[in-house]
C-alpha atoms as a PDB file:
ATOM      1  CA  MET A   1      38.702   0.189  -4.163  1.00  0.00           C
ATOM      2  CA  MET A   2      36.638   3.389  -4.293  1.00  0.00           C
ATOM      3  CA  PRO A   3      34.044   4.107  -6.996  1.00  0.00           C
ATOM      4  CA  VAL A   4      35.231   6.726  -9.617  1.00  0.00           C
ATOM      5  CA  PRO A   5      33.564   9.887  -8.739  1.00  0.00           C
ATOM      6  CA  ASP A   6      30.978  11.396 -11.287  1.00  0.00           C
ATOM      7  CA  ALA A   7      33.113  14.473 -11.906  1.00  0.00           C
ATOM      8  CA  GLN A   8      36.337  12.496 -12.468  1.00  0.00           C
ATOM      9  CA  ARG A   9      34.946   9.963 -15.108  1.00  0.00           C
ATOM     10  CA  THR A  10      36.083  10.055 -18.656  1.00  0.00           C
ATOM     11  CA  ASP A  11      33.696  10.033 -21.554  1.00  0.00           C
ATOM     12  CA  GLU A  12      34.003   6.385 -21.895  1.00  0.00           C
ATOM     13  CA  GLN A  13      33.359   5.900 -18.227  1.00  0.00           C
ATOM     14  CA  ARG A  14      30.267   8.089 -18.319  1.00  0.00           C
ATOM     15  CA  MET A  15      28.953   6.070 -21.318  1.00  0.00           C
ATOM     16  CA  ILE A  16      29.441   2.788 -19.475  1.00  0.00           C
ATOM     17  CA  ALA A  17      27.875   4.198 -16.311  1.00  0.00           C
ATOM     18  CA  ALA A  18      24.820   5.345 -18.336  1.00  0.00           C
ATOM     19  CA  GLU A  19      24.406   1.927 -20.259  1.00  0.00           C
ATOM     20  CA  PHE A  20      24.365  -0.052 -17.117  1.00  0.00           C
ATOM     21  CA  ALA A  21      22.678   2.308 -14.743  1.00  0.00           C
ATOM     22  CA  PRO A  22      19.545   0.250 -15.116  1.00  0.00           C
ATOM     23  CA  SER A  23      21.321  -2.672 -13.399  1.00  0.00           C
ATOM     24  CA  GLY A  24      20.407  -0.866 -10.171  1.00  0.00           C
ATOM     25  CA  MET A  25      24.086  -1.564  -8.918  1.00  0.00           C
ATOM     26  CA  ALA A  26      25.504   1.979  -9.149  1.00  0.00           C
ATOM     27  CA  ASN A  27      28.181   1.435  -6.544  1.00  0.00           C
ATOM     28  CA  ALA A  28      29.473  -1.694  -8.401  1.00  0.00           C
ATOM     29  CA  VAL A  29      29.316   0.241 -11.746  1.00  0.00           C
ATOM     30  CA  GLY A  30      31.228   3.152 -10.295  1.00  0.00           C
ATOM     31  CA  THR A  31      33.897   0.816  -8.657  1.00  0.00           C
ATOM     32  CA  LEU A  32      34.511  -1.178 -11.903  1.00  0.00           C
ATOM     33  CA  LEU A  33      34.793   1.978 -13.955  1.00  0.00           C
ATOM     34  CA  VAL A  34      38.356   1.989 -12.594  1.00  0.00           C
ATOM     35  CA  ASN A  35      38.837  -0.496 -15.450  1.00  0.00           C
ATOM     36  CA  PRO A  36      36.320   0.426 -18.140  1.00  0.00           C
ATOM     37  CA  GLN A  37      37.064  -2.662 -20.325  1.00  0.00           C
ATOM     38  CA  LEU A  38      36.459  -5.085 -17.688  1.00  0.00           C
ATOM     39  CA  ALA A  39      33.416  -3.090 -16.455  1.00  0.00           C
ATOM     40  CA  ARG A  40      31.745  -3.356 -19.839  1.00  0.00           C
ATOM     41  CA  ARG A  41      32.447  -7.175 -20.019  1.00  0.00           C
ATOM     42  CA  ILE A  42      31.220  -7.780 -16.332  1.00  0.00           C
ATOM     43  CA  PHE A  43      28.102  -5.790 -16.700  1.00  0.00           C
ATOM     44  CA  THR A  44      27.302  -7.084 -20.246  1.00  0.00           C
ATOM     45  CA  HIS A  45      27.393 -10.669 -18.686  1.00  0.00           C
ATOM     46  CA  GLU A  46      25.379  -9.581 -15.619  1.00  0.00           C
ATOM     47  CA  ARG A  47      22.585  -8.029 -17.916  1.00  0.00           C
ATOM     48  CA  TYR A  48      22.528 -11.287 -19.805  1.00  0.00           C
ATOM     49  CA  ILE A  49      22.244 -13.600 -16.881  1.00  0.00           C
ATOM     50  CA  THR A  50      19.629 -11.456 -15.008  1.00  0.00           C
ATOM     51  CA  ALA A  51      17.510 -10.405 -17.957  1.00  0.00           C
ATOM     52  CA  GLU A  52      18.290 -11.717 -21.406  1.00  0.00           C
ATOM     53  CA  SER A  53      19.010 -15.509 -21.087  1.00  0.00           C
ATOM     54  CA  THR A  54      16.345 -17.905 -22.103  1.00  0.00           C
ATOM     55  CA  LEU A  55      15.897 -19.069 -18.542  1.00  0.00           C
ATOM     56  CA  ALA A  56      12.578 -18.019 -16.947  1.00  0.00           C
ATOM     57  CA  PRO A  57      12.840 -14.915 -14.605  1.00  0.00           C
ATOM     58  CA  ARG A  58      12.204 -17.033 -11.571  1.00  0.00           C
ATOM     59  CA  HIS A  59      14.934 -19.494 -12.397  1.00  0.00           C
ATOM     60  CA  ARG A  60      17.465 -16.758 -13.249  1.00  0.00           C
ATOM     61  CA  ALA A  61      16.569 -15.296  -9.837  1.00  0.00           C
ATOM     62  CA  ILE A  62      17.199 -18.511  -8.009  1.00  0.00           C
ATOM     63  CA  LEU A  63      20.448 -19.165  -9.729  1.00  0.00           C
ATOM     64  CA  GLY A  64      21.670 -15.598  -9.181  1.00  0.00           C
ATOM     65  CA  LEU A  65      20.763 -15.672  -5.500  1.00  0.00           C
ATOM     66  CA  ARG A  66      22.533 -19.014  -4.951  1.00  0.00           C
ATOM     67  CA  ALA A  67      25.730 -17.709  -6.598  1.00  0.00           C
ATOM     68  CA  ALA A  68      25.537 -14.594  -4.433  1.00  0.00           C
ATOM     69  CA  TRP A  69      24.991 -16.802  -1.318  1.00  0.00           C
ATOM     70  CA  LEU A  70      28.014 -19.091  -2.312  1.00  0.00           C
ATOM     71  CA  SER A  71      30.233 -16.234  -2.868  1.00  0.00           C
ATOM     72  CA  ARG A  72      29.263 -14.550   0.316  1.00  0.00           C
ATOM     73  CA  SER A  73      28.425 -11.390  -1.280  1.00  0.00           C
ATOM     74  CA  SER A  74      25.944  -9.454   0.763  1.00  0.00           C
ATOM     75  CA  TYR A  75      25.965  -6.521  -1.795  1.00  0.00           C
ATOM     76  CA  LEU A  76      25.103  -9.087  -4.627  1.00  0.00           C
ATOM     77  CA  TRP A  77      22.562 -10.996  -2.564  1.00  0.00           C
ATOM     78  CA  ALA A  78      20.720  -7.631  -1.751  1.00  0.00           C
ATOM     79  CA  HIS A  79      20.571  -6.712  -5.389  1.00  0.00           C
ATOM     80  CA  ARG A  80      19.512 -10.207  -6.594  1.00  0.00           C
ATOM     81  CA  ALA A  81      16.864 -10.427  -3.867  1.00  0.00           C
ATOM     82  CA  THR A  82      15.173  -7.387  -5.219  1.00  0.00           C
ATOM     83  CA  LEU A  83      15.091  -9.046  -8.642  1.00  0.00           C
ATOM     84  CA  ALA A  84      13.916 -12.262  -7.033  1.00  0.00           C
ATOM     85  CA  ARG A  85      10.978 -10.606  -5.331  1.00  0.00           C
ATOM     86  CA  ARG A  86      10.051  -9.070  -8.701  1.00  0.00           C
ATOM     87  CA  ALA A  87      10.134 -12.512 -10.350  1.00  0.00           C
ATOM     88  CA  GLY A  88       7.548 -13.707  -7.596  1.00  0.00           C
ATOM     89  CA  LEU A  89      10.034 -15.358  -4.958  1.00  0.00           C
ATOM     90  CA  THR A  90       8.842 -15.050  -1.404  1.00  0.00           C
ATOM     91  CA  ASP A  91      10.930 -14.516   1.687  1.00  0.00           C
ATOM     92  CA  VAL A  92      10.438 -18.114   2.648  1.00  0.00           C
ATOM     93  CA  GLU A  93      11.943 -19.135  -0.718  1.00  0.00           C
ATOM     94  CA  LEU A  94      14.881 -16.704  -0.362  1.00  0.00           C
ATOM     95  CA  ARG A  95      15.716 -18.332   2.929  1.00  0.00           C
ATOM     96  CA  ARG A  96      15.529 -21.864   1.316  1.00  0.00           C
ATOM     97  CA  ILE A  97      17.944 -20.681  -1.426  1.00  0.00           C
ATOM     98  CA  ALA A  98      20.459 -20.177   1.318  1.00  0.00           C
ATOM     99  CA  GLN A  99      19.901 -23.672   2.575  1.00  0.00           C
ATOM    100  CA  GLY A 100      20.719 -25.101  -0.777  1.00  0.00           C
ATOM    101  CA  ALA A 101      19.391 -28.127  -2.786  1.00  0.00           C
ATOM    102  CA  ASP A 102      18.321 -29.962   0.345  1.00  0.00           C
ATOM    103  CA  ALA A 103      15.738 -27.329   1.195  1.00  0.00           C
ATOM    104  CA  GLY A 104      13.092 -29.084  -0.832  1.00  0.00           C
ATOM    105  CA  TRP A 105      13.429 -27.501  -4.164  1.00  0.00           C
ATOM    106  CA  GLU A 106      11.993 -29.130  -7.320  1.00  0.00           C
ATOM    107  CA  PRO A 107      14.651 -29.726 -10.114  1.00  0.00           C
ATOM    108  CA  PHE A 108      14.306 -27.545 -13.164  1.00  0.00           C
END
């Protein structure tokens, strides 16, 4: 599925794209605009789990990266890795996330 080009977006699609532009996932937003209702729901959830939940930013980053790894989404992994580095995770820790629970993580 291809992203909806800017010139072909409806007013509703433009509003959704503007609202979720800060997610940094322009390609995903554009692609999901094919179904605006779905896009709004997915990106509302994405914003909550990456920025608004009560978990510490570090823990949100770890969980998001693990989910990206388990789903084999290189696109999501790249996006979440950027957020994880902002939350203070190191490259060594990012590699350990891919290894899973047996990589010496402390429970949280």
